[in-house]
PDB file of N, CA and C in Angstrom:
ATOM      1  N   UNK A   1      34.339 119.457  85.959  1.00  0.00           N
ATOM      2  CA  UNK A   1      34.839 118.524  86.942  1.00  0.00           C
ATOM      3  C   UNK A   1      34.690 117.105  86.394  1.00  0.00           C
ATOM      4  N   UNK A   2      35.703 116.289  86.582  1.00  0.00           N
ATOM      5  CA  UNK A   2      35.661 114.938  86.040  1.00  0.00           C
ATOM      6  C   UNK A   2      34.821 114.034  86.937  1.00  0.00           C
ATOM      7  N   UNK A   3      34.239 113.069  86.315  1.00  0.00           N
ATOM      8  CA  UNK A   3      33.407 112.119  87.043  1.00  0.00           C
ATOM      9  C   UNK A   3      34.302 110.994  87.561  1.00  0.00           C
ATOM     10  N   UNK A   4      34.409 110.843  88.861  1.00  0.00           N
ATOM     11  CA  UNK A   4      35.290 109.852  89.457  1.00  0.00           C
ATOM     12  C   UNK A   4      34.789 108.429  89.252  1.00  0.00           C
ATOM     13  N   UNK A   5      33.517 108.242  89.031  1.00  0.00           N
ATOM     14  CA  UNK A   5      32.961 106.910  88.840  1.00  0.00           C
ATOM     15  C   UNK A   5      33.026 106.436  87.394  1.00  0.00           C
ATOM     16  N   UNK A   6      33.386 107.311  86.499  1.00  0.00           N
ATOM     17  CA  UNK A   6      33.399 106.956  85.080  1.00  0.00           C
ATOM     18  C   UNK A   6      34.561 106.023  84.787  1.00  0.00           C
ATOM     19  N   UNK A   7      34.256 104.820  84.353  1.00  0.00           N
ATOM     20  CA  UNK A   7      35.261 103.840  83.972  1.00  0.00           C
ATOM     21  C   UNK A   7      35.194 103.662  82.465  1.00  0.00           C
ATOM     22  N   UNK A   8      36.219 104.099  81.802  1.00  0.00           N
ATOM     23  CA  UNK A   8      36.221 103.958  80.352  1.00  0.00           C
ATOM     24  C   UNK A   8      35.166 104.818  79.678  1.00  0.00           C
ATOM     25  N   UNK A   9      34.811 105.920  80.279  1.00  0.00           N
ATOM     26  CA  UNK A   9      33.831 106.822  79.676  1.00  0.00           C
ATOM     27  C   UNK A   9      32.394 106.453  79.978  1.00  0.00           C
ATOM     28  N   UNK A  10      32.147 105.545  80.924  1.00  0.00           N
ATOM     29  CA  UNK A  10      30.783 105.159  81.275  1.00  0.00           C
ATOM     30  C   UNK A  10      30.296 106.008  82.449  1.00  0.00           C
ATOM     31  N   UNK A  11      29.063 106.453  82.347  1.00  0.00           N
ATOM     32  CA  UNK A  11      28.481 107.234  83.441  1.00  0.00           C
ATOM     33  C   UNK A  11      27.961 106.283  84.523  1.00  0.00           C
ATOM     34  N   UNK A  12      27.707 106.789  85.718  1.00  0.00           N
ATOM     35  CA  UNK A  12      27.175 105.929  86.783  1.00  0.00           C
ATOM     36  C   UNK A  12      25.870 105.236  86.399  1.00  0.00           C
ATOM     37  N   UNK A  13      25.004 105.935  85.665  1.00  0.00           N
ATOM     38  CA  UNK A  13      23.732 105.329  85.260  1.00  0.00           C
ATOM     39  C   UNK A  13      23.966 104.149  84.311  1.00  0.00           C
ATOM     40  N   UNK A  14      24.923 104.287  83.409  1.00  0.00           N
ATOM     41  CA  UNK A  14      25.233 103.186  82.497  1.00  0.00           C
ATOM     42  C   UNK A  14      25.799 101.994  83.255  1.00  0.00           C
ATOM     43  N   UNK A  15      26.629 102.257  84.254  1.00  0.00           N
ATOM     44  CA  UNK A  15      27.171 101.171  85.064  1.00  0.00           C
ATOM     45  C   UNK A  15      26.075 100.439  85.828  1.00  0.00           C
ATOM     46  N   UNK A  16      25.103 101.163  86.351  1.00  0.00           N
ATOM     47  CA  UNK A  16      23.986 100.542  87.068  1.00  0.00           C
ATOM     48  C   UNK A  16      23.181  99.660  86.124  1.00  0.00           C
ATOM     49  N   UNK A  17      22.961 100.124  84.907  1.00  0.00           N
ATOM     50  CA  UNK A  17      22.214  99.332  83.922  1.00  0.00           C
ATOM     51  C   UNK A  17      22.986  98.054  83.577  1.00  0.00           C
ATOM     52  N   UNK A  18      24.290  98.162  83.400  1.00  0.00           N
ATOM     53  CA  UNK A  18      25.102  96.996  83.066  1.00  0.00           C
ATOM     54  C   UNK A  18      25.067  95.973  84.204  1.00  0.00           C
ATOM     55  N   UNK A  19      25.194  96.431  85.446  1.00  0.00           N
ATOM     56  CA  UNK A  19      25.127  95.531  86.596  1.00  0.00           C
ATOM     57  C   UNK A  19      23.752  94.880  86.674  1.00  0.00           C
ATOM     58  N   UNK A  20      22.702  95.619  86.404  1.00  0.00           N
ATOM     59  CA  UNK A  20      21.347  95.062  86.418  1.00  0.00           C
ATOM     60  C   UNK A  20      21.168  93.980  85.370  1.00  0.00           C
ATOM     61  N   UNK A  21      21.692  94.187  84.188  1.00  0.00           N
ATOM     62  CA  UNK A  21      21.585  93.178  83.127  1.00  0.00           C
ATOM     63  C   UNK A  21      22.350  91.915  83.524  1.00  0.00           C
ATOM     64  N   UNK A  22      23.525  92.096  84.128  1.00  0.00           N
ATOM     65  CA  UNK A  22      24.308  90.934  84.569  1.00  0.00           C
ATOM     66  C   UNK A  22      23.544  90.136  85.622  1.00  0.00           C
ATOM     67  N   UNK A  23      22.910  90.831  86.554  1.00  0.00           N
ATOM     68  CA  UNK A  23      22.120  90.147  87.597  1.00  0.00           C
ATOM     69  C   UNK A  23      20.953  89.399  86.961  1.00  0.00           C
ATOM     70  N   UNK A  24      20.303  90.006  85.979  1.00  0.00           N
ATOM     71  CA  UNK A  24      19.190  89.334  85.314  1.00  0.00           C
ATOM     72  C   UNK A  24      19.654  88.102  84.533  1.00  0.00           C
ATOM     73  N   UNK A  25      20.807  88.190  83.883  1.00  0.00           N
ATOM     74  CA  UNK A  25      21.293  87.078  83.076  1.00  0.00           C
ATOM     75  C   UNK A  25      21.759  85.900  83.930  1.00  0.00           C
ATOM     76  N   UNK A  26      22.520  86.174  84.962  1.00  0.00           N
ATOM     77  CA  UNK A  26      23.141  85.108  85.733  1.00  0.00           C
ATOM     78  C   UNK A  26      22.418  84.791  87.035  1.00  0.00           C
ATOM     79  N   UNK A  27      21.634  85.684  87.534  1.00  0.00           N
ATOM     80  CA  UNK A  27      20.975  85.478  88.817  1.00  0.00           C
ATOM     81  C   UNK A  27      21.914  85.856  89.945  1.00  0.00           C
ATOM     82  N   UNK A  28      21.331  86.266  91.051  1.00  0.00           N
ATOM     83  CA  UNK A  28      22.149  86.770  92.156  1.00  0.00           C
ATOM     84  C   UNK A  28      22.945  85.667  92.842  1.00  0.00           C
ATOM     85  N   UNK A  29      22.540  84.413  92.698  1.00  0.00           N
ATOM     86  CA  UNK A  29      23.282  83.328  93.353  1.00  0.00           C
ATOM     87  C   UNK A  29      24.518  82.919  92.558  1.00  0.00           C
ATOM     88  N   UNK A  30      24.534  83.141  91.264  1.00  0.00           N
ATOM     89  CA  UNK A  30      25.654  82.727  90.426  1.00  0.00           C
ATOM     90  C   UNK A  30      26.785  83.762  90.403  1.00  0.00           C
ATOM     91  N   UNK A  31      26.497  84.991  90.698  1.00  0.00           N
ATOM     92  CA  UNK A  31      27.517  86.049  90.607  1.00  0.00           C
ATOM     93  C   UNK A  31      28.685  85.789  91.568  1.00  0.00           C
ATOM     94  N   UNK A  32      28.468  85.413  92.836  1.00  0.00           N
ATOM     95  CA  UNK A  32      29.627  85.122  93.696  1.00  0.00           C
ATOM     96  C   UNK A  32      30.478  83.966  93.162  1.00  0.00           C
ATOM     97  N   UNK A  33      29.844  82.959  92.579  1.00  0.00           N
ATOM     98  CA  UNK A  33      30.600  81.844  92.002  1.00  0.00           C
ATOM     99  C   UNK A  33      31.440  82.322  90.817  1.00  0.00           C
ATOM    100  N   UNK A  34      30.860  83.181  89.989  1.00  0.00           N
ATOM    101  CA  UNK A  34      31.600  83.721  88.855  1.00  0.00           C
ATOM    102  C   UNK A  34      32.800  84.542  89.321  1.00  0.00           C
ATOM    103  N   UNK A  35      32.602  85.369  90.340  1.00  0.00           N
ATOM    104  CA  UNK A  35      33.688  86.208  90.845  1.00  0.00           C
ATOM    105  C   UNK A  35      34.786  85.366  91.501  1.00  0.00           C
ATOM    106  N   UNK A  36      34.400  84.270  92.171  1.00  0.00           N
ATOM    107  CA  UNK A  36      35.400  83.367  92.737  1.00  0.00           C
ATOM    108  C   UNK A  36      36.235  82.744  91.626  1.00  0.00           C
ATOM    109  N   UNK A  37      35.568  82.357  90.549  1.00  0.00           N
ATOM    110  CA  UNK A  37      36.288  81.793  89.401  1.00  0.00           C
ATOM    111  C   UNK A  37      37.248  82.798  88.785  1.00  0.00           C
ATOM    112  N   UNK A  38      36.801  84.037  88.659  1.00  0.00           N
ATOM    113  CA  UNK A  38      37.672  85.085  88.113  1.00  0.00           C
ATOM    114  C   UNK A  38      38.861  85.308  89.050  1.00  0.00           C
ATOM    115  N   UNK A  39      38.598  85.355  90.355  1.00  0.00           N
ATOM    116  CA  UNK A  39      39.669  85.561  91.334  1.00  0.00           C
ATOM    117  C   UNK A  39      40.687  84.436  91.326  1.00  0.00           C
ATOM    118  N   UNK A  40      40.213  83.184  91.249  1.00  0.00           N
ATOM    119  CA  UNK A  40      41.158  82.065  91.219  1.00  0.00           C
ATOM    120  C   UNK A  40      41.949  82.058  89.912  1.00  0.00           C
ATOM    121  N   UNK A  41      41.321  82.477  88.828  1.00  0.00           N
ATOM    122  CA  UNK A  41      42.039  82.576  87.552  1.00  0.00           C
ATOM    123  C   UNK A  41      43.146  83.618  87.613  1.00  0.00           C
ATOM    124  N   UNK A  42      42.874  84.753  88.243  1.00  0.00           N
ATOM    125  CA  UNK A  42      43.882  85.796  88.399  1.00  0.00           C
ATOM    126  C   UNK A  42      45.019  85.302  89.286  1.00  0.00           C
ATOM    127  N   UNK A  43      44.684  84.592  90.368  1.00  0.00           N
ATOM    128  CA  UNK A  43      45.720  84.053  91.253  1.00  0.00           C
ATOM    129  C   UNK A  43      46.608  83.042  90.526  1.00  0.00           C
ATOM    130  N   UNK A  44      46.019  82.175  89.705  1.00  0.00           N
ATOM    131  CA  UNK A  44      46.804  81.207  88.941  1.00  0.00           C
ATOM    132  C   UNK A  44      47.717  81.920  87.947  1.00  0.00           C
ATOM    133  N   UNK A  45      47.225  82.979  87.343  1.00  0.00           N
ATOM    134  CA  UNK A  45      48.026  83.748  86.394  1.00  0.00           C
ATOM    135  C   UNK A  45      49.227  84.371  87.097  1.00  0.00           C
ATOM    136  N   UNK A  46      49.002  84.974  88.270  1.00  0.00           N
ATOM    137  CA  UNK A  46      50.102  85.572  89.033  1.00  0.00           C
ATOM    138  C   UNK A  46      51.102  84.512  89.476  1.00  0.00           C
ATOM    139  N   UNK A  47      50.606  83.343  89.865  1.00  0.00           N
ATOM    140  CA  UNK A  47      51.487  82.247  90.282  1.00  0.00           C
ATOM    141  C   UNK A  47      52.359  81.805  89.107  1.00  0.00           C
ATOM    142  N   UNK A  48      51.771  81.720  87.939  1.00  0.00           N
ATOM    143  CA  UNK A  48      52.531  81.359  86.740  1.00  0.00           C
ATOM    144  C   UNK A  48      53.597  82.392  86.407  1.00  0.00           C
ATOM    145  N   UNK A  49      53.269  83.661  86.577  1.00  0.00           N
ATOM    146  CA  UNK A  49      54.258  84.713  86.335  1.00  0.00           C
ATOM    147  C   UNK A  49      55.434  84.594  87.299  1.00  0.00           C
ATOM    148  N   UNK A  50      55.137  84.361  88.581  1.00  0.00           N
ATOM    149  CA  UNK A  50      56.209  84.222  89.574  1.00  0.00           C
ATOM    150  C   UNK A  50      57.096  83.021  89.246  1.00  0.00           C
ATOM    151  N   UNK A  51      56.477  81.894  88.885  1.00  0.00           N
ATOM    152  CA  UNK A  51      57.254  80.705  88.543  1.00  0.00           C
ATOM    153  C   UNK A  51      58.106  80.941  87.304  1.00  0.00           C
ATOM    154  N   UNK A  52      57.573  81.658  86.337  1.00  0.00           N
ATOM    155  CA  UNK A  52      58.338  81.978  85.138  1.00  0.00           C
ATOM    156  C   UNK A  52      59.530  82.867  85.441  1.00  0.00           C
ATOM    157  N   UNK A  53      59.339  83.854  86.318  1.00  0.00           N
ATOM    158  CA  UNK A  53      60.443  84.734  86.700  1.00  0.00           C
ATOM    159  C   UNK A  53      61.512  83.958  87.453  1.00  0.00           C
ATOM    160  N   UNK A  54      61.089  83.044  88.343  1.00  0.00           N
ATOM    161  CA  UNK A  54      62.055  82.237  89.086  1.00  0.00           C
ATOM    162  C   UNK A  54      62.829  81.322  88.145  1.00  0.00           C
ATOM    163  N   UNK A  55      62.143  80.741  87.177  1.00  0.00           N
ATOM    164  CA  UNK A  55      62.803  79.860  86.217  1.00  0.00           C
ATOM    165  C   UNK A  55      63.793  80.645  85.365  1.00  0.00           C
ATOM    166  N   UNK A  56      63.411  81.847  84.937  1.00  0.00           N
ATOM    167  CA  UNK A  56      64.312  82.674  84.138  1.00  0.00           C
ATOM    168  C   UNK A  56      65.546  83.070  84.941  1.00  0.00           C
ATOM    169  N   UNK A  57      65.355  83.393  86.225  1.00  0.00           N
ATOM    170  CA  UNK A  57      66.497  83.753  87.074  1.00  0.00           C
ATOM    171  C   UNK A  57      67.415  82.552  87.270  1.00  0.00           C
ATOM    172  N   UNK A  58      66.847  81.364  87.449  1.00  0.00           N
ATOM    173  CA  UNK A  58      67.658  80.158  87.618  1.00  0.00           C
ATOM    174  C   UNK A  58      68.428  79.847  86.338  1.00  0.00           C
ATOM    175  N   UNK A  59      67.783  80.014  85.178  1.00  0.00           N
ATOM    176  CA  UNK A  59      68.461  79.768  83.906  1.00  0.00           C
ATOM    177  C   UNK A  59      69.595  80.768  83.692  1.00  0.00           C
ATOM    178  N   UNK A  60      69.369  82.029  84.052  1.00  0.00           N
ATOM    179  CA  UNK A  60      70.400  83.051  83.894  1.00  0.00           C
ATOM    180  C   UNK A  60      71.591  82.759  84.802  1.00  0.00           C
ATOM    181  N   UNK A  61      71.320  82.333  86.028  1.00  0.00           N
ATOM    182  CA  UNK A  61      72.401  82.000  86.953  1.00  0.00           C
ATOM    183  C   UNK A  61      73.178  80.786  86.449  1.00  0.00           C
ATOM    184  N   UNK A  62      72.460  79.812  85.899  1.00  0.00           N
ATOM    185  CA  UNK A  62      73.107  78.611  85.394  1.00  0.00           C
ATOM    186  C   UNK A  62      73.995  78.936  84.193  1.00  0.00           C
ATOM    187  N   UNK A  63      73.521  79.784  83.292  1.00  0.00           N
ATOM    188  CA  UNK A  63      74.318  80.132  82.119  1.00  0.00           C
ATOM    189  C   UNK A  63      75.502  81.020  82.507  1.00  0.00           C
ATOM    190  N   UNK A  64      75.343  81.882  83.515  1.00  0.00           N
ATOM    191  CA  UNK A  64      76.459  82.707  83.974  1.00  0.00           C
ATOM    192  C   UNK A  64      77.522  81.834  84.629  1.00  0.00           C
ATOM    193  N   UNK A  65      77.092  80.801  85.334  1.00  0.00           N
ATOM    194  CA  UNK A  65      78.034  79.887  85.973  1.00  0.00           C
ATOM    195  C   UNK A  65      78.785  79.074  84.931  1.00  0.00           C
ATOM    196  N   UNK A  66      78.103  78.679  83.878  1.00  0.00           N
ATOM    197  CA  UNK A  66      78.736  77.894  82.823  1.00  0.00           C
ATOM    198  C   UNK A  66      79.715  78.741  82.019  1.00  0.00           C
ATOM    199  N   UNK A  67      79.506  80.039  81.955  1.00  0.00           N
ATOM    200  CA  UNK A  67      80.374  80.916  81.185  1.00  0.00           C
ATOM    201  C   UNK A  67      81.690  81.210  81.899  1.00  0.00           C
ATOM    202  N   UNK A  68      81.754  80.983  83.203  1.00  0.00           N
ATOM    203  CA  UNK A  68      82.985  81.223  83.944  1.00  0.00           C
ATOM    204  C   UNK A  68      84.026  80.176  83.557  1.00  0.00           C
ATOM    205  N   UNK A  69      85.289  80.600  83.387  1.00  0.00           N
ATOM    206  CA  UNK A  69      86.318  79.598  83.088  1.00  0.00           C
ATOM    207  C   UNK A  69      86.579  78.739  84.324  1.00  0.00           C
ATOM    208  N   UNK A  70      86.799  77.463  84.111  1.00  0.00           N
ATOM    209  CA  UNK A  70      86.994  76.541  85.225  1.00  0.00           C
ATOM    210  C   UNK A  70      88.299  76.846  85.952  1.00  0.00           C
ATOM    211  N   UNK A  71      89.389  76.934  85.225  1.00  0.00           N
ATOM    212  CA  UNK A  71      90.683  77.255  85.807  1.00  0.00           C
ATOM    213  C   UNK A  71      91.331  78.330  84.954  1.00  0.00           C
ATOM    214  N   UNK A  72      92.137  79.127  85.589  1.00  0.00           N
ATOM    215  CA  UNK A  72      92.866  80.139  84.842  1.00  0.00           C
ATOM    216  C   UNK A  72      93.901  79.423  83.977  1.00  0.00           C
ATOM    217  N   UNK A  73      94.093  79.848  82.745  1.00  0.00           N
ATOM    218  CA  UNK A  73      95.055  79.173  81.877  1.00  0.00           C
ATOM    219  C   UNK A  73      96.474  79.372  82.416  1.00  0.00           C
ATOM    220  N   UNK A  74      97.297  78.344  82.253  1.00  0.00           N
ATOM    221  CA  UNK A  74      98.674  78.418  82.706  1.00  0.00           C
ATOM    222  C   UNK A  74      99.472  79.246  81.700  1.00  0.00           C
ATOM    223  N   UNK A  75     100.435  79.994  82.203  1.00  0.00           N
ATOM    224  CA  UNK A  75     101.229  80.784  81.254  1.00  0.00           C
ATOM    225  C   UNK A  75     102.015  79.857  80.337  1.00  0.00           C
ATOM    226  N   UNK A  76     102.109  80.256  79.099  1.00  0.00           N
ATOM    227  CA  UNK A  76     102.827  79.447  78.120  1.00  0.00           C
ATOM    228  C   UNK A  76     104.313  79.447  78.443  1.00  0.00           C
ATOM    229  N   UNK A  77     104.954  78.362  78.113  1.00  0.00           N
ATOM    230  CA  UNK A  77     106.390  78.292  78.337  1.00  0.00           C
ATOM    231  C   UNK A  77     107.058  79.309  77.415  1.00  0.00           C
ATOM    232  N   UNK A  78     108.294  79.599  77.730  1.00  0.00           N
ATOM    233  CA  UNK A  78     109.011  80.605  76.959  1.00  0.00           C
ATOM    234  C   UNK A  78     108.940  80.257  75.483  1.00  0.00           C
ATOM    235  N   UNK A  79     108.464  81.169  74.709  1.00  0.00           N
ATOM    236  CA  UNK A  79     108.322  80.929  73.284  1.00  0.00           C
ATOM    237  C   UNK A  79     109.684  81.027  72.624  1.00  0.00           C
ATOM    238  N   UNK A  80     109.941  80.100  71.751  1.00  0.00           N
ATOM    239  CA  UNK A  80     111.199  80.102  71.021  1.00  0.00           C
ATOM    240  C   UNK A  80     111.030  80.949  69.774  1.00  0.00           C
ATOM    241  N   UNK A  81     112.053  81.717  69.443  1.00  0.00           N
ATOM    242  CA  UNK A  81     111.935  82.505  68.215  1.00  0.00           C
ATOM    243  C   UNK A  81     111.900  81.584  66.999  1.00  0.00           C
ATOM    244  N   UNK A  82     111.145  81.961  66.028  1.00  0.00           N
ATOM    245  CA  UNK A  82     110.995  81.164  64.820  1.00  0.00           C
ATOM    246  C   UNK A  82     112.198  81.454  63.912  1.00  0.00           C
ATOM    247  N   UNK A  83     112.862  80.378  63.488  1.00  0.00           N
ATOM    248  CA  UNK A  83     113.995  80.531  62.600  1.00  0.00           C
ATOM    249  C   UNK A  83     113.504  80.505  61.169  1.00  0.00           C
ATOM    250  N   UNK A  84     114.032  81.364  60.330  1.00  0.00           N
ATOM    251  CA  UNK A  84     113.621  81.323  58.926  1.00  0.00           C
ATOM    252  C   UNK A  84     114.120  80.039  58.267  1.00  0.00           C
ATOM    253  N   UNK A  85     113.342  79.566  57.314  1.00  0.00           N
ATOM    254  CA  UNK A  85     113.700  78.338  56.606  1.00  0.00           C
ATOM    255  C   UNK A  85     114.881  78.601  55.665  1.00  0.00           C
ATOM    256  N   UNK A  86     115.738  77.619  55.565  1.00  0.00           N
ATOM    257  CA  UNK A  86     116.891  77.727  54.647  1.00  0.00           C
ATOM    258  C   UNK A  86     116.554  77.013  53.379  1.00  0.00           C
ATOM    259  N   UNK A  87     116.907  77.637  52.251  1.00  0.00           N
ATOM    260  CA  UNK A  87     116.625  77.022  50.962  1.00  0.00           C
ATOM    261  C   UNK A  87     117.846  76.464  50.342  1.00  0.00           C
TER     262      UNK A  87
END
């Protein structure tokens, strides 16, 4: 049976040890601040992705609009047959 808590091959005991070391290094008061920073960084990244997609869509629409012909070309007047040159 697979272990549902295993992330990347880590057992639950290893995860508890890792969390304990993090608490010892940063202290319990700093961890919420760190997580807020990580969360705001992720939100800024997602915002940048959305803005990039909107900009790409606007550029694509602008280039598609520029590619459209402004007016349909007028039909050419009756073409005259070309006469051969006389020597």
